[in-house]
Amino acid sequence: AEIQSLPQIGSVDADLRTCYAEQRQKQLSIEKMKGALDAVSCQVNEARKQLRQKGYAKVDDEHAKKLIEVKTMLLAIKDIDSYEKALARALMKFHQSKMEDINRSVKELWNKTYKGTDIDGIEIFSEHQGETSAGNRKISYRVVMRKGETTLDMRGRCSAGQKVLACLVIRLALAESFCLNCGILALDEPTTNLDRANSESFAQALNEVIRHRRQQDNFQLLVITHDEA
């Protein structure tokens, strides 16, 4: 019974062949790994030879120096980014402050100059229009007129005389806000398309400008006109 329970000779041969095939595969894998290890060893030895050359004598010091430069550059970029954001906020605050000054002057000059009753006042309206591809803010400007609680764009809704007067008032307001140290204020045909009442009131507004600028040593007002009045 024990003899009958032993495996057949044929099955034993098949198992041996399988074991020999697996042994050959393992041996091939071992040889490949040895070849790869030899290649890596050669590369390591070559790298060591290069590191012993004169050009790599101070490689650690050079690496440390470049690492410091990179870290410093990253910190500088971070600081510049913070400064850029702070500058953008400061510019927007300055823009808002200047627009308030300009519109204050525009309102004052318009009320002193314009003698009609259909427009209570004008102002420059600024509106943020997104950013350019370079990241700069785009701002559009338009002149609006106000009557009571109603505000409308002035373009296309005013007469030629109102348009000329608005341009003159805005230019004077800009000069008062941005050109405090500018010595020359030149006006070319400022009374064109203005009726007599508005021309006289505009002249009075110019007198106010002269009175405020009288203490400025280099101030000169040049008016180029054919209006004899």
C-alpha atoms as a PDB file:
ATOM      1  CA  ALA A   1       0.000   0.000   0.000  1.00  0.00           C
ATOM      2  CA  GLU A   2       2.905   2.382   0.780  1.00  0.00           C
ATOM      3  CA  ILE A   3       4.497   1.669  -2.589  1.00  0.00           C
ATOM      4  CA  GLN A   4       1.236   2.416  -4.364  1.00  0.00           C
ATOM      5  CA  SER A   5       0.993   5.777  -2.587  1.00  0.00           C
ATOM      6  CA  LEU A   6       4.334   6.981  -3.984  1.00  0.00           C
ATOM      7  CA  PRO A   7       4.147   9.456  -6.962  1.00  0.00           C
ATOM      8  CA  GLN A   8       4.565   8.122 -10.454  1.00  0.00           C
ATOM      9  CA  ILE A   9       7.933   8.455 -12.176  1.00  0.00           C
ATOM     10  CA  GLY A  10       6.399  10.557 -14.963  1.00  0.00           C
ATOM     11  CA  SER A  11       5.049  13.188 -12.618  1.00  0.00           C
ATOM     12  CA  VAL A  12       8.374  13.406 -10.790  1.00  0.00           C
ATOM     13  CA  ASP A  13      10.194  14.083 -14.064  1.00  0.00           C
ATOM     14  CA  ALA A  14       7.731  16.849 -14.918  1.00  0.00           C
ATOM     15  CA  ASP A  15       8.259  18.470 -11.514  1.00  0.00           C
ATOM     16  CA  LEU A  16      12.034  18.294 -11.946  1.00  0.00           C
ATOM     17  CA  ARG A  17      11.832  19.956 -15.360  1.00  0.00           C
ATOM     18  CA  THR A  18       9.703  22.721 -13.890  1.00  0.00           C
ATOM     19  CA  CYS A  19      12.179  23.259 -11.047  1.00  0.00           C
ATOM     20  CA  TYR A  20      15.123  23.360 -13.473  1.00  0.00           C
ATOM     21  CA  ALA A  21      13.307  25.952 -15.657  1.00  0.00           C
ATOM     22  CA  GLU A  22      12.580  28.123 -12.623  1.00  0.00           C
ATOM     23  CA  GLN A  23      16.217  27.786 -11.530  1.00  0.00           C
ATOM     24  CA  ARG A  24      17.421  28.979 -14.948  1.00  0.00           C
ATOM     25  CA  GLN A  25      15.071  31.972 -14.819  1.00  0.00           C
ATOM     26  CA  LYS A  26      16.282  32.899 -11.357  1.00  0.00           C
ATOM     27  CA  GLN A  27      19.879  32.534 -12.482  1.00  0.00           C
ATOM     28  CA  LEU A  28      19.242  34.824 -15.462  1.00  0.00           C
ATOM     29  CA  SER A  29      17.661  37.373 -13.155  1.00  0.00           C
ATOM     30  CA  ILE A  30      20.665  37.185 -10.862  1.00  0.00           C
ATOM     31  CA  GLU A  31      23.035  37.709 -13.777  1.00  0.00           C
ATOM     32  CA  LYS A  32      21.025  40.720 -14.987  1.00  0.00           C
ATOM     33  CA  MET A  33      21.086  42.211 -11.516  1.00  0.00           C
ATOM     34  CA  LYS A  34      24.832  41.653 -11.299  1.00  0.00           C
ATOM     35  CA  GLY A  35      25.272  43.389 -14.653  1.00  0.00           C
ATOM     36  CA  ALA A  36      23.134  46.327 -13.517  1.00  0.00           C
ATOM     37  CA  LEU A  37      25.060  46.494 -10.247  1.00  0.00           C
ATOM     38  CA  ASP A  38      28.372  46.506 -12.123  1.00  0.00           C
ATOM     39  CA  ALA A  39      27.093  49.354 -14.354  1.00  0.00           C
ATOM     40  CA  VAL A  40      26.018  51.375 -11.326  1.00  0.00           C
ATOM     41  CA  SER A  41      29.342  50.699  -9.638  1.00  0.00           C
ATOM     42  CA  CYS A  42      31.156  51.956 -12.740  1.00  0.00           C
ATOM     43  CA  GLN A  43      29.031  55.102 -12.738  1.00  0.00           C
ATOM     44  CA  VAL A  44      29.736  55.669  -9.051  1.00  0.00           C
ATOM     45  CA  ASN A  45      33.462  55.205  -9.556  1.00  0.00           C
ATOM     46  CA  GLU A  46      33.410  57.591 -12.521  1.00  0.00           C
ATOM     47  CA  ALA A  47      31.480  60.163 -10.488  1.00  0.00           C
ATOM     48  CA  ARG A  48      34.005  59.842  -7.673  1.00  0.00           C
ATOM     49  CA  LYS A  49      36.852  60.402 -10.127  1.00  0.00           C
ATOM     50  CA  GLN A  50      35.131  63.539 -11.443  1.00  0.00           C
ATOM     51  CA  LEU A  51      34.517  64.824  -7.932  1.00  0.00           C
ATOM     52  CA  ARG A  52      38.234  64.468  -7.208  1.00  0.00           C
ATOM     53  CA  GLN A  53      39.031  66.769 -10.121  1.00  0.00           C
ATOM     54  CA  LYS A  54      39.963  70.405  -9.556  1.00  0.00           C
ATOM     55  CA  GLY A  55      36.661  71.776 -10.867  1.00  0.00           C
ATOM     56  CA  TYR A  56      34.726  69.949  -8.137  1.00  0.00           C
ATOM     57  CA  ALA A  57      37.112  70.696  -5.300  1.00  0.00           C
ATOM     58  CA  LYS A  58      34.774  73.303  -3.761  1.00  0.00           C
ATOM     59  CA  VAL A  59      31.469  71.822  -4.911  1.00  0.00           C
ATOM     60  CA  ASP A  60      29.998  71.781  -1.388  1.00  0.00           C
ATOM     61  CA  ASP A  61      30.838  75.442  -0.835  1.00  0.00           C
ATOM     62  CA  GLU A  62      29.467  76.381  -4.252  1.00  0.00           C
ATOM     63  CA  HIS A  63      26.288  74.416  -3.570  1.00  0.00           C
ATOM     64  CA  ALA A  64      25.815  76.158  -0.229  1.00  0.00           C
ATOM     65  CA  LYS A  65      26.413  79.554  -1.864  1.00  0.00           C
ATOM     66  CA  LYS A  66      23.894  78.879  -4.651  1.00  0.00           C
ATOM     67  CA  LEU A  67      21.372  77.583  -2.126  1.00  0.00           C
ATOM     68  CA  ILE A  68      21.680  80.842  -0.201  1.00  0.00           C
ATOM     69  CA  GLU A  69      21.213  82.804  -3.435  1.00  0.00           C
ATOM     70  CA  VAL A  70      18.072  80.815  -4.279  1.00  0.00           C
ATOM     71  CA  LYS A  71      16.621  81.298  -0.791  1.00  0.00           C
ATOM     72  CA  THR A  72      17.449  85.008  -0.922  1.00  0.00           C
ATOM     73  CA  MET A  73      15.830  85.321  -4.343  1.00  0.00           C
ATOM     74  CA  LEU A  74      12.658  83.610  -3.106  1.00  0.00           C
ATOM     75  CA  LEU A  75      12.483  85.973  -0.127  1.00  0.00           C
ATOM     76  CA  ALA A  76      13.069  88.964  -2.423  1.00  0.00           C
ATOM     77  CA  ILE A  77      10.275  87.813  -4.756  1.00  0.00           C
ATOM     78  CA  LYS A  78       7.953  87.471  -1.777  1.00  0.00           C
ATOM     79  CA  ASP A  79       8.870  90.981  -0.588  1.00  0.00           C
ATOM     80  CA  ILE A  80       8.411  92.464  -4.070  1.00  0.00           C
ATOM     81  CA  ASP A  81       4.995  90.828  -4.312  1.00  0.00           C
ATOM     82  CA  SER A  82       4.028  92.379  -0.967  1.00  0.00           C
ATOM     83  CA  TYR A  83       5.368  95.775  -2.058  1.00  0.00           C
ATOM     84  CA  GLU A  84       3.494  95.532  -5.364  1.00  0.00           C
ATOM     85  CA  LYS A  85       0.210  94.869  -3.579  1.00  0.00           C
ATOM     86  CA  ALA A  86       0.880  97.697  -1.130  1.00  0.00           C
ATOM     87  CA  LEU A  87       1.739 100.028  -4.017  1.00  0.00           C
ATOM     88  CA  ALA A  88      -1.462  99.046  -5.859  1.00  0.00           C
ATOM     89  CA  ARG A  89      -3.507  99.846  -2.754  1.00  0.00           C
ATOM     90  CA  ALA A  90      -1.675 103.165  -2.319  1.00  0.00           C
ATOM     91  CA  LEU A  91      -2.245 104.079  -5.980  1.00  0.00           C
ATOM     92  CA  MET A  92      -5.936 103.308  -5.722  1.00  0.00           C
ATOM     93  CA  LYS A  93      -6.169 105.412  -2.566  1.00  0.00           C
ATOM     94  CA  PHE A  94      -4.267 108.237  -4.295  1.00  0.00           C
ATOM     95  CA  HIS A  95      -6.518 107.925  -7.362  1.00  0.00           C
ATOM     96  CA  GLN A  96      -9.631 108.105  -5.209  1.00  0.00           C
ATOM     97  CA  SER A  97      -8.286 111.119  -3.311  1.00  0.00           C
ATOM     98  CA  LYS A  98      -7.350 112.952  -6.515  1.00  0.00           C
ATOM     99  CA  MET A  99     -10.704 112.217  -8.128  1.00  0.00           C
ATOM    100  CA  GLU A 100     -12.422 113.678  -5.070  1.00  0.00           C
ATOM    101  CA  ASP A 101     -10.250 116.817  -5.311  1.00  0.00           C
ATOM    102  CA  ILE A 102     -10.874 117.161  -9.050  1.00  0.00           C
ATOM    103  CA  ASN A 103     -14.637 116.718  -8.726  1.00  0.00           C
ATOM    104  CA  ARG A 104     -14.698 119.204  -5.847  1.00  0.00           C
ATOM    105  CA  SER A 105     -12.980 121.778  -8.078  1.00  0.00           C
ATOM    106  CA  VAL A 106     -15.212 120.869 -11.029  1.00  0.00           C
ATOM    107  CA  LYS A 107     -18.334 121.372  -8.935  1.00  0.00           C
ATOM    108  CA  GLU A 108     -17.114 124.705  -7.581  1.00  0.00           C
ATOM    109  CA  LEU A 109     -16.045 126.052 -10.988  1.00  0.00           C
ATOM    110  CA  TRP A 110     -19.230 124.864 -12.712  1.00  0.00           C
ATOM    111  CA  ASN A 111     -21.475 126.459 -10.102  1.00  0.00           C
ATOM    112  CA  LYS A 112     -19.557 129.731 -10.420  1.00  0.00           C
ATOM    113  CA  THR A 113     -19.562 129.697 -14.214  1.00  0.00           C
ATOM    114  CA  TYR A 114     -22.706 128.081 -15.581  1.00  0.00           C
ATOM    115  CA  LYS A 115     -25.748 130.338 -15.528  1.00  0.00           C
ATOM    116  CA  GLY A 116     -28.342 127.864 -16.785  1.00  0.00           C
ATOM    117  CA  THR A 117     -30.848 126.023 -14.606  1.00  0.00           C
ATOM    118  CA  ASP A 118     -31.040 122.694 -16.458  1.00  0.00           C
ATOM    119  CA  ILE A 119     -27.803 121.278 -14.974  1.00  0.00           C
ATOM    120  CA  ASP A 120     -27.053 121.467 -11.253  1.00  0.00           C
ATOM    121  CA  GLY A 121     -23.500 120.167 -11.605  1.00  0.00           C
ATOM    122  CA  ILE A 122     -21.090 117.890 -13.439  1.00  0.00           C
ATOM    123  CA  GLU A 123     -18.433 115.431 -12.316  1.00  0.00           C
ATOM    124  CA  ILE A 124     -15.986 112.880 -13.671  1.00  0.00           C
ATOM    125  CA  PHE A 125     -17.116 109.334 -13.026  1.00  0.00           C
ATOM    126  CA  SER A 126     -14.406 106.627 -12.950  1.00  0.00           C
ATOM    127  CA  GLU A 127     -15.148 102.942 -13.280  1.00  0.00           C
ATOM    128  CA  HIS A 128     -12.935  99.884 -12.907  1.00  0.00           C
ATOM    129  CA  GLN A 129     -12.879  97.830 -16.124  1.00  0.00           C
ATOM    130  CA  GLY A 130     -10.857  94.799 -15.020  1.00  0.00           C
ATOM    131  CA  GLU A 131      -7.170  94.273 -15.744  1.00  0.00           C
ATOM    132  CA  THR A 132      -4.885  94.125 -18.754  1.00  0.00           C
ATOM    133  CA  SER A 133      -2.872  91.054 -19.733  1.00  0.00           C
ATOM    134  CA  ALA A 134       0.036  92.552 -17.789  1.00  0.00           C
ATOM    135  CA  GLY A 135      -2.083  92.811 -14.643  1.00  0.00           C
ATOM    136  CA  ASN A 136      -2.556  96.587 -14.737  1.00  0.00           C
ATOM    137  CA  ARG A 137      -5.919  97.996 -13.758  1.00  0.00           C
ATOM    138  CA  LYS A 138      -8.085  99.460 -16.514  1.00  0.00           C
ATOM    139  CA  ILE A 139     -10.176 102.464 -15.542  1.00  0.00           C
ATOM    140  CA  SER A 140     -12.671 104.238 -17.784  1.00  0.00           C
ATOM    141  CA  TYR A 141     -13.740 107.845 -17.286  1.00  0.00           C
ATOM    142  CA  ARG A 142     -16.913 109.634 -18.327  1.00  0.00           C
ATOM    143  CA  VAL A 143     -18.420 113.014 -17.575  1.00  0.00           C
ATOM    144  CA  VAL A 144     -21.882 112.968 -16.030  1.00  0.00           C
ATOM    145  CA  MET A 145     -24.323 115.797 -15.318  1.00  0.00           C
ATOM    146  CA  ARG A 146     -26.696 115.998 -12.415  1.00  0.00           C
ATOM    147  CA  LYS A 147     -30.113 117.543 -12.068  1.00  0.00           C
ATOM    148  CA  GLY A 148     -31.666 116.965  -8.679  1.00  0.00           C
ATOM    149  CA  GLU A 149     -31.352 113.238  -7.936  1.00  0.00           C
ATOM    150  CA  THR A 150     -30.958 112.279 -11.602  1.00  0.00           C
ATOM    151  CA  THR A 151     -27.516 111.609 -13.098  1.00  0.00           C
ATOM    152  CA  LEU A 152     -26.957 111.166 -16.842  1.00  0.00           C
ATOM    153  CA  ASP A 153     -23.974 110.859 -19.156  1.00  0.00           C
ATOM    154  CA  MET A 154     -23.182 114.271 -20.617  1.00  0.00           C
ATOM    155  CA  ARG A 155     -22.105 112.881 -24.000  1.00  0.00           C
ATOM    156  CA  GLY A 156     -24.820 113.382 -26.575  1.00  0.00           C
ATOM    157  CA  ARG A 157     -27.123 115.213 -24.161  1.00  0.00           C
ATOM    158  CA  CYS A 158     -25.584 118.691 -23.950  1.00  0.00           C
ATOM    159  CA  SER A 159     -25.269 121.683 -26.244  1.00  0.00           C
ATOM    160  CA  ALA A 160     -22.021 122.819 -27.873  1.00  0.00           C
ATOM    161  CA  GLY A 161     -21.680 125.641 -25.355  1.00  0.00           C
ATOM    162  CA  GLN A 162     -22.217 123.299 -22.398  1.00  0.00           C
ATOM    163  CA  LYS A 163     -19.664 120.891 -23.854  1.00  0.00           C
ATOM    164  CA  VAL A 164     -17.055 123.665 -24.263  1.00  0.00           C
ATOM    165  CA  LEU A 165     -17.697 124.991 -20.782  1.00  0.00           C
ATOM    166  CA  ALA A 166     -17.454 121.493 -19.280  1.00  0.00           C
ATOM    167  CA  CYS A 167     -14.110 120.933 -21.051  1.00  0.00           C
ATOM    168  CA  LEU A 168     -12.752 124.235 -19.755  1.00  0.00           C
ATOM    169  CA  VAL A 169     -13.953 123.588 -16.211  1.00  0.00           C
ATOM    170  CA  ILE A 170     -12.439 120.079 -16.183  1.00  0.00           C
ATOM    171  CA  ARG A 171      -9.113 121.331 -17.585  1.00  0.00           C
ATOM    172  CA  LEU A 172      -8.933 124.055 -14.962  1.00  0.00           C
ATOM    173  CA  ALA A 173      -9.767 121.537 -12.240  1.00  0.00           C
ATOM    174  CA  LEU A 174      -7.055 119.168 -13.503  1.00  0.00           C
ATOM    175  CA  ALA A 175      -4.561 122.023 -13.589  1.00  0.00           C
ATOM    176  CA  GLU A 176      -5.449 123.013 -10.039  1.00  0.00           C
ATOM    177  CA  SER A 177      -5.084 119.409  -8.810  1.00  0.00           C
ATOM    178  CA  PHE A 178      -1.960 118.244 -10.650  1.00  0.00           C
ATOM    179  CA  CYS A 179      -0.065 121.360 -11.771  1.00  0.00           C
ATOM    180  CA  LEU A 180       0.373 123.341  -8.578  1.00  0.00           C
ATOM    181  CA  ASN A 181       4.012 124.028  -9.437  1.00  0.00           C
ATOM    182  CA  CYS A 182       3.356 124.675 -13.122  1.00  0.00           C
ATOM    183  CA  GLY A 183       3.951 128.314 -13.964  1.00  0.00           C
ATOM    184  CA  ILE A 184       2.015 128.631 -17.214  1.00  0.00           C
ATOM    185  CA  LEU A 185      -1.696 128.109 -17.843  1.00  0.00           C
ATOM    186  CA  ALA A 186      -2.632 128.580 -21.527  1.00  0.00           C
ATOM    187  CA  LEU A 187      -6.194 128.713 -22.863  1.00  0.00           C
ATOM    188  CA  ASP A 188      -6.841 128.752 -26.614  1.00  0.00           C
ATOM    189  CA  GLU A 189     -10.200 130.283 -27.622  1.00  0.00           C
ATOM    190  CA  PRO A 190     -11.834 129.394 -24.277  1.00  0.00           C
ATOM    191  CA  THR A 191     -15.099 131.267 -25.024  1.00  0.00           C
ATOM    192  CA  THR A 192     -15.912 129.524 -28.298  1.00  0.00           C
ATOM    193  CA  ASN A 193     -19.633 128.575 -28.441  1.00  0.00           C
ATOM    194  CA  LEU A 194     -20.292 130.281 -25.082  1.00  0.00           C
ATOM    195  CA  ASP A 195     -23.041 132.858 -24.805  1.00  0.00           C
ATOM    196  CA  ARG A 196     -22.307 136.208 -23.188  1.00  0.00           C
ATOM    197  CA  ALA A 197     -23.544 135.243 -19.729  1.00  0.00           C
ATOM    198  CA  ASN A 198     -21.428 132.093 -19.590  1.00  0.00           C
ATOM    199  CA  SER A 199     -18.417 133.917 -21.078  1.00  0.00           C
ATOM    200  CA  GLU A 200     -18.586 136.545 -18.339  1.00  0.00           C
ATOM    201  CA  SER A 201     -19.004 133.984 -15.590  1.00  0.00           C
ATOM    202  CA  PHE A 202     -16.082 131.998 -17.019  1.00  0.00           C
ATOM    203  CA  ALA A 203     -13.964 135.149 -16.920  1.00  0.00           C
ATOM    204  CA  GLN A 204     -14.919 135.565 -13.274  1.00  0.00           C
ATOM    205  CA  ALA A 205     -13.841 131.969 -12.617  1.00  0.00           C
ATOM    206  CA  LEU A 206     -10.487 132.747 -14.254  1.00  0.00           C
ATOM    207  CA  ASN A 207     -10.173 135.739 -11.925  1.00  0.00           C
ATOM    208  CA  GLU A 208     -10.622 133.367  -8.996  1.00  0.00           C
ATOM    209  CA  VAL A 209      -7.854 131.132 -10.349  1.00  0.00           C
ATOM    210  CA  ILE A 210      -5.563 134.163 -10.739  1.00  0.00           C
ATOM    211  CA  ARG A 211      -6.362 135.323  -7.228  1.00  0.00           C
ATOM    212  CA  HIS A 212      -5.476 131.917  -5.751  1.00  0.00           C
ATOM    213  CA  ARG A 213      -2.272 131.662  -7.837  1.00  0.00           C
ATOM    214  CA  ARG A 214      -1.148 135.248  -7.206  1.00  0.00           C
ATOM    215  CA  GLN A 215       1.365 134.184  -4.573  1.00  0.00           C
ATOM    216  CA  GLN A 216       3.096 131.843  -7.044  1.00  0.00           C
ATOM    217  CA  ASP A 217       6.159 133.651  -8.445  1.00  0.00           C
ATOM    218  CA  ASN A 218       6.266 131.924 -11.835  1.00  0.00           C
ATOM    219  CA  PHE A 219       2.529 131.898 -12.591  1.00  0.00           C
ATOM    220  CA  GLN A 220       1.478 133.180 -16.026  1.00  0.00           C
ATOM    221  CA  LEU A 221      -1.963 133.033 -17.646  1.00  0.00           C
ATOM    222  CA  LEU A 222      -2.100 133.088 -21.456  1.00  0.00           C
ATOM    223  CA  VAL A 223      -5.493 133.533 -23.090  1.00  0.00           C
ATOM    224  CA  ILE A 224      -5.673 133.265 -26.888  1.00  0.00           C
ATOM    225  CA  THR A 225      -9.030 134.614 -28.127  1.00  0.00           C
ATOM    226  CA  HIS A 226     -10.800 136.677 -30.752  1.00  0.00           C
ATOM    227  CA  ASP A 227     -13.493 137.635 -28.260  1.00  0.00           C
ATOM    228  CA  GLU A 228     -13.024 141.370 -27.691  1.00  0.00           C
ATOM    229  CA  ALA A 229     -15.542 141.402 -24.872  1.00  0.00           C
END
